[in-house]
Structures are given as C-alpha cells and as structure tokens.
Protein backbone atom coordinates (compact mmCIF):
# COMPACT_ATOMS: atom_id res chain seq x y z
CA UNK A 1 -89.47 -135.87 81.67
CA UNK A 2 -92.91 -135.86 83.31
CA UNK A 3 -93.65 -135.26 86.81
CA UNK A 4 -91.54 -133.85 89.81
CA UNK A 5 -88.53 -132.81 87.66
CA UNK A 6 -85.79 -131.10 89.72
CA UNK A 7 -82.41 -129.67 88.17
CA UNK A 8 -79.55 -129.82 90.71
CA UNK A 9 -76.40 -129.10 88.77
CA UNK A 10 -75.20 -127.78 85.62
CA UNK A 11 -72.06 -127.82 83.53
CA UNK A 12 -70.70 -126.18 80.40
CA UNK A 13 -68.96 -128.30 77.47
CA UNK A 14 -65.89 -127.01 75.72
CA UNK A 15 -68.19 -126.44 72.43
CA UNK A 16 -70.75 -124.22 74.04
CA UNK A 17 -73.38 -127.00 75.00
CA UNK A 18 -74.53 -127.38 78.50
CA UNK A 19 -75.34 -130.33 80.63
CA UNK A 20 -78.23 -129.95 83.18
CA UNK A 21 -78.68 -132.99 85.73
CA UNK A 22 -81.16 -133.92 88.75
CA UNK A 23 -83.70 -136.34 89.14
CA UNK A 24 -87.15 -136.85 87.52
CA UNK A 25 -90.06 -139.15 87.18
CA UNK A 26 -91.06 -140.09 83.54
CA UNK A 27 -94.83 -140.91 84.67
CA UNK A 28 -97.16 -140.83 87.77
CA UNK A 29 -96.40 -144.67 88.22
CA UNK A 30 -92.48 -144.33 88.17
CA UNK A 31 -90.12 -143.64 90.87
CA UNK A 32 -87.34 -140.89 90.72
CA UNK A 33 -84.13 -141.65 88.71
CA UNK A 34 -81.13 -139.89 87.43
CA UNK A 35 -82.04 -137.36 84.84
CA UNK A 36 -79.60 -135.43 82.34
CA UNK A 37 -80.41 -132.86 79.79
CA UNK A 38 -78.00 -131.67 76.93
CA UNK A 39 -78.49 -128.40 75.13
CA UNK A 40 -76.99 -126.64 72.26
CA UNK A 41 -75.35 -123.54 72.56
CA UNK A 42 -78.27 -121.75 71.35
CA UNK A 43 -80.77 -123.16 73.81
CA UNK A 44 -82.11 -126.04 72.00
CA UNK A 45 -82.27 -129.68 73.02
CA UNK A 46 -79.49 -131.65 71.45
CA UNK A 47 -81.05 -134.22 69.28
CA UNK A 48 -77.67 -136.58 69.29
CA UNK A 49 -78.00 -137.05 73.28
CA UNK A 50 -80.28 -139.84 74.42
CA UNK A 51 -83.94 -139.57 73.20
CA UNK A 52 -84.01 -135.98 71.75
CA UNK A 53 -81.67 -134.54 74.42
CA UNK A 54 -82.78 -136.19 77.53
CA UNK A 55 -81.51 -139.19 79.22
CA UNK A 56 -83.11 -140.89 82.27
CA UNK A 57 -81.73 -143.83 84.26
CA UNK A 58 -83.28 -145.73 87.31
CA UNK A 59 -81.45 -147.83 89.35
CA UNK A 60 -84.20 -149.85 91.16
CA UNK A 61 -87.89 -150.75 90.73
CA UNK A 62 -88.43 -150.18 94.32
CA UNK A 63 -86.33 -147.19 95.56
CA UNK A 64 -86.04 -143.91 94.01
CA UNK A 65 -82.61 -142.00 93.29
CA UNK A 66 -81.19 -138.78 91.93
CA UNK A 67 -78.30 -137.17 90.66
CA UNK A 68 -76.70 -134.10 92.53
CA UNK A 69 -73.69 -133.26 90.14
CA UNK A 70 -71.96 -133.82 86.89
CA UNK A 71 -68.28 -133.45 85.64
CA UNK A 72 -67.65 -133.91 82.01
CA UNK A 73 -64.43 -135.79 81.08
CA UNK A 74 -61.83 -134.65 78.51
CA UNK A 75 -63.02 -137.40 76.09
CA UNK A 76 -66.59 -136.05 76.07
CA UNK A 77 -68.10 -138.74 78.54
CA UNK A 78 -70.22 -137.29 81.42
CA UNK A 79 -69.91 -138.44 85.11
CA UNK A 80 -72.92 -137.92 87.17
CA UNK A 81 -73.09 -138.70 91.23
CA UNK A 82 -75.77 -138.81 93.67
CA UNK A 83 -77.68 -141.22 95.64
CA UNK A 84 -79.43 -144.93 95.18
CA UNK A 85 -80.49 -147.49 97.27
CA UNK A 86 -77.48 -149.98 97.85
CA UNK A 87 -78.63 -153.55 96.69
CA UNK A 88 -77.06 -155.33 100.06
CA UNK A 89 -77.84 -152.42 102.70
CA UNK A 90 -81.07 -151.03 104.12
CA UNK A 91 -80.00 -147.48 102.87
CA UNK A 92 -78.86 -145.41 100.24
CA UNK A 93 -75.28 -145.28 98.87
CA UNK A 94 -73.04 -143.18 96.75
CA UNK A 95 -74.57 -143.70 93.10
CA UNK A 96 -72.26 -142.55 90.12
CA UNK A 97 -73.23 -143.34 86.25
CA UNK A 98 -71.08 -142.32 83.19
CA UNK A 99 -72.60 -141.63 79.82
CA UNK A 100 -70.83 -142.15 76.55
CA UNK A 101 -71.19 -139.00 74.34
CA UNK A 102 -74.62 -140.07 72.69
CA UNK A 103 -76.02 -140.81 76.44
CA UNK A 104 -75.82 -144.17 76.33
CA UNK A 105 -74.55 -145.71 79.48
CA UNK A 106 -70.63 -146.37 79.38
CA UNK A 107 -70.25 -150.21 79.69
CA UNK A 108 -66.58 -149.85 80.48
CA UNK A 109 -67.40 -148.23 83.73
CA UNK A 110 -68.12 -150.86 86.46
CA UNK A 111 -69.40 -153.27 83.77
CA UNK A 112 -73.02 -151.76 83.45
CA UNK A 113 -72.40 -147.89 83.30
CA UNK A 114 -73.08 -147.36 86.99
CA UNK A 115 -71.87 -148.01 90.63
CA UNK A 116 -73.69 -147.76 94.23
CA UNK A 117 -71.22 -147.54 97.04
CA UNK A 118 -71.85 -147.93 101.02
CA UNK A 119 -69.69 -145.24 102.54
CA UNK A 120 -71.09 -146.10 105.83
CA UNK A 121 -72.10 -150.02 106.04
CA UNK A 122 -74.37 -149.73 108.58
CA UNK A 123 -77.64 -150.61 108.24
CA UNK A 124 -80.89 -148.66 108.84
CA UNK A 125 -83.66 -146.99 106.98
CA UNK A 126 -82.92 -143.45 105.58
CA UNK A 127 -80.80 -141.77 103.15
CA UNK A 128 -77.44 -142.51 104.95
CA UNK A 129 -74.87 -142.03 101.75
CA UNK A 130 -75.46 -139.13 99.41
CA UNK A 131 -73.05 -137.85 96.60
CA UNK A 132 -73.20 -134.14 96.25
CA UNK A 133 -70.23 -133.10 94.27
CA UNK A 134 -68.15 -134.74 91.76
CA UNK A 135 -64.92 -134.00 89.62
CA UNK A 136 -62.52 -136.05 87.57
CA UNK A 137 -58.70 -135.79 88.14
CA UNK A 138 -55.93 -135.55 85.59
CA UNK A 139 -55.43 -139.33 85.61
CA UNK A 140 -59.22 -140.00 85.03
CA UNK A 141 -60.17 -140.85 88.65
CA UNK A 142 -63.47 -139.68 89.83
CA UNK A 143 -63.96 -138.34 93.30
CA UNK A 144 -67.28 -137.92 94.98
CA UNK A 145 -67.94 -135.82 97.99
CA UNK A 146 -70.99 -135.83 100.25
CA UNK A 147 -72.30 -137.18 103.42
CA UNK A 148 -72.53 -140.55 105.41
CA UNK A 149 -74.14 -141.68 108.77
CA UNK A 150 -77.44 -141.61 110.55
CA UNK A 151 -78.84 -138.72 113.02
CA UNK A 152 -75.37 -136.96 112.54
CA UNK A 153 -73.80 -136.83 109.32
CA UNK A 154 -69.96 -137.03 108.60
CA UNK A 155 -68.10 -135.48 105.54
CA UNK A 156 -67.42 -138.53 103.18
CA UNK A 157 -65.12 -138.64 100.05
CA UNK A 158 -64.76 -141.64 97.72
CA UNK A 159 -62.22 -142.08 94.80
CA UNK A 160 -62.72 -144.28 91.81
CA UNK A 161 -60.61 -145.44 89.26
CA UNK A 162 -61.41 -144.82 85.63
CA UNK A 163 -62.92 -148.06 85.26
CA UNK A 164 -65.54 -147.54 88.38
CA UNK A 165 -63.69 -149.84 90.78
CA UNK A 166 -62.84 -148.21 94.27
CA UNK A 167 -59.20 -147.03 94.27
CA UNK A 168 -57.47 -149.03 96.90
CA UNK A 169 -54.78 -146.26 97.10
CA UNK A 170 -57.13 -143.60 98.60
CA UNK A 171 -58.03 -143.80 102.40
CA UNK A 172 -59.72 -146.82 103.63
CA UNK A 173 -59.86 -149.09 100.55
CA UNK A 174 -61.38 -146.08 98.31
CA UNK A 175 -63.05 -143.72 101.02
CA UNK A 176 -62.45 -141.21 103.75
CA UNK A 177 -64.96 -140.34 106.28
CA UNK A 178 -64.14 -137.20 108.24
CA UNK A 179 -66.26 -136.37 111.59
CA UNK A 180 -65.53 -132.71 112.56
CA UNK A 181 -67.68 -133.22 115.78
CA UNK A 182 -71.30 -132.16 114.42
CA UNK A 183 -73.53 -132.69 111.70
CA UNK A 184 -71.15 -132.45 108.97
CA UNK A 185 -72.21 -132.35 105.12
CA UNK A 186 -69.97 -131.95 101.77
CA UNK A 187 -71.50 -129.90 99.26
CA UNK A 188 -68.72 -129.23 96.79
CA UNK A 189 -65.03 -130.16 96.08
CA UNK A 190 -62.37 -129.01 93.86
CA UNK A 191 -58.95 -130.30 92.92
CA UNK A 192 -55.77 -128.19 93.64
CA UNK A 193 -52.94 -128.56 90.60
CA UNK A 194 -50.68 -130.35 93.10
CA UNK A 195 -53.54 -133.20 93.39
CA UNK A 196 -54.80 -132.05 97.12
CA UNK A 197 -58.53 -132.20 97.10
CA UNK A 198 -60.55 -129.41 98.76
CA UNK A 199 -63.99 -130.28 100.26
CA UNK A 200 -66.68 -127.68 101.44
CA UNK A 201 -69.87 -127.62 103.38
CA UNK A 202 -71.20 -127.19 106.36
CA UNK A 203 -70.97 -128.50 109.91
CA UNK A 204 -71.38 -127.64 113.38
CA UNK A 205 -71.82 -128.76 117.30
CA UNK A 206 -74.87 -126.30 117.92
CA UNK A 207 -77.91 -125.54 115.85
CA UNK A 208 -75.85 -122.53 114.38
CA UNK A 209 -74.03 -124.11 111.37
CA UNK A 210 -70.57 -122.95 109.87
CA UNK A 211 -68.84 -123.02 106.65
CA UNK A 212 -66.62 -125.97 106.43
CA UNK A 213 -63.28 -126.52 104.36
CA UNK A 214 -61.28 -129.67 104.62
CA UNK A 215 -58.14 -130.32 102.50
CA UNK A 216 -56.96 -133.92 101.76
CA UNK A 217 -53.64 -134.95 100.41
CA UNK A 218 -53.98 -137.16 97.19
C-alpha cells in the first residue's frame, strides 16, 4: 500500500483464494485506513479485486482507522471489522465495512458500505471502542466483539442486521457490554450450531491477566 502496512487477520475462501486485512497508509501524507488484499490460490494478487488486488478505505480525513478482523459471506461479499472515529463522539467506535466481490463498497450495507457504532457513548479522548473479531451467522447477521470503556475496558458484543442496522432484538438496542471486574478485552468469537455465541479474550483484577471465555444466548 505504501507506509506502515500492518496485517491483522486472514481468511481463506472456498475456492482457495486468501484475504488479508489490516491497516495501511497509501503515502506519507495519508492517515491509516482499512486495508484488504486478496490473493489467488497460487499466491499472486487477484486482479479482479479492487486496484490490482488491493482495497483501501478511509473513514475520515482527520482520524485514522484500521481493520482487525474479516469474515466472508456465502455470497462472496467480505465483512471487515475494526475501529474508526465516531462522527458524533470524541472517541473511536466499532467500524464495519462490507465489500462486494470485486472490492467495491456494498451500497446495500448501511447506505454507504460502512458503519461506525459507539458502543459506550461516553465522551473522552482515546480508542474507547475497538472491534477485534467478526462473524456472520446463518441468518446473515453480523456479530462484532471487542472492547469498550475508559481506563478499564469491558467486553463488548454488537449484532447488526444484514443491511448494517443494529439488531434491536439483541441485548440493549443491538449491543451487550460485559464487565468481569477488571480490564476485560475480547479478541475472538465463534458461533455454536444452536445459535449461542462464544467470546474469548483476556481479563483480570490484577496485573496478571487470565483467559476469559463468555457464552451469550442468541
């Protein structure tokens, strides 16, 4: 891409192609943004994806953003999750984008292809809300797990409908925040066949963090 390229997640597609995502800066004067690369099964860049195999998406001209996770949909679209500055808050929110198979932003998702959600509405500088894992359930709903909060983080889990709107049937208007008593951060999630949701990460009340595993009902 240019400068400061950092890959953070990888997924394999059914046809053997691979998609790598993270954050990058196209040039020295640019801020970091969502970066995605699609490779052919043999390792070469896929020319049918974006600009010769790569796609870059910037949410703002003032604040940087980045992708931490990627999940393919059965229809070939790609869902990326990470962080970006919320337009109405003084901190970052969960950021989600969906690309069409050719790398263009999907206009049927949140009206523009991307959405930013303030999980914790508190004001204050810093990376308050960061999405670190994403999954698509059999109904096409998108789940993003990560962290929210100030000095001490809490687990955060948000579910979006297929059109990018928050799912009002999930948690408190689309999201759930779980405080386990310490500095808690979600790093991964998995969906069970019965619809329950597993979220894994770290947490603890002392400087020695522990493995954390939480299961949520659908």
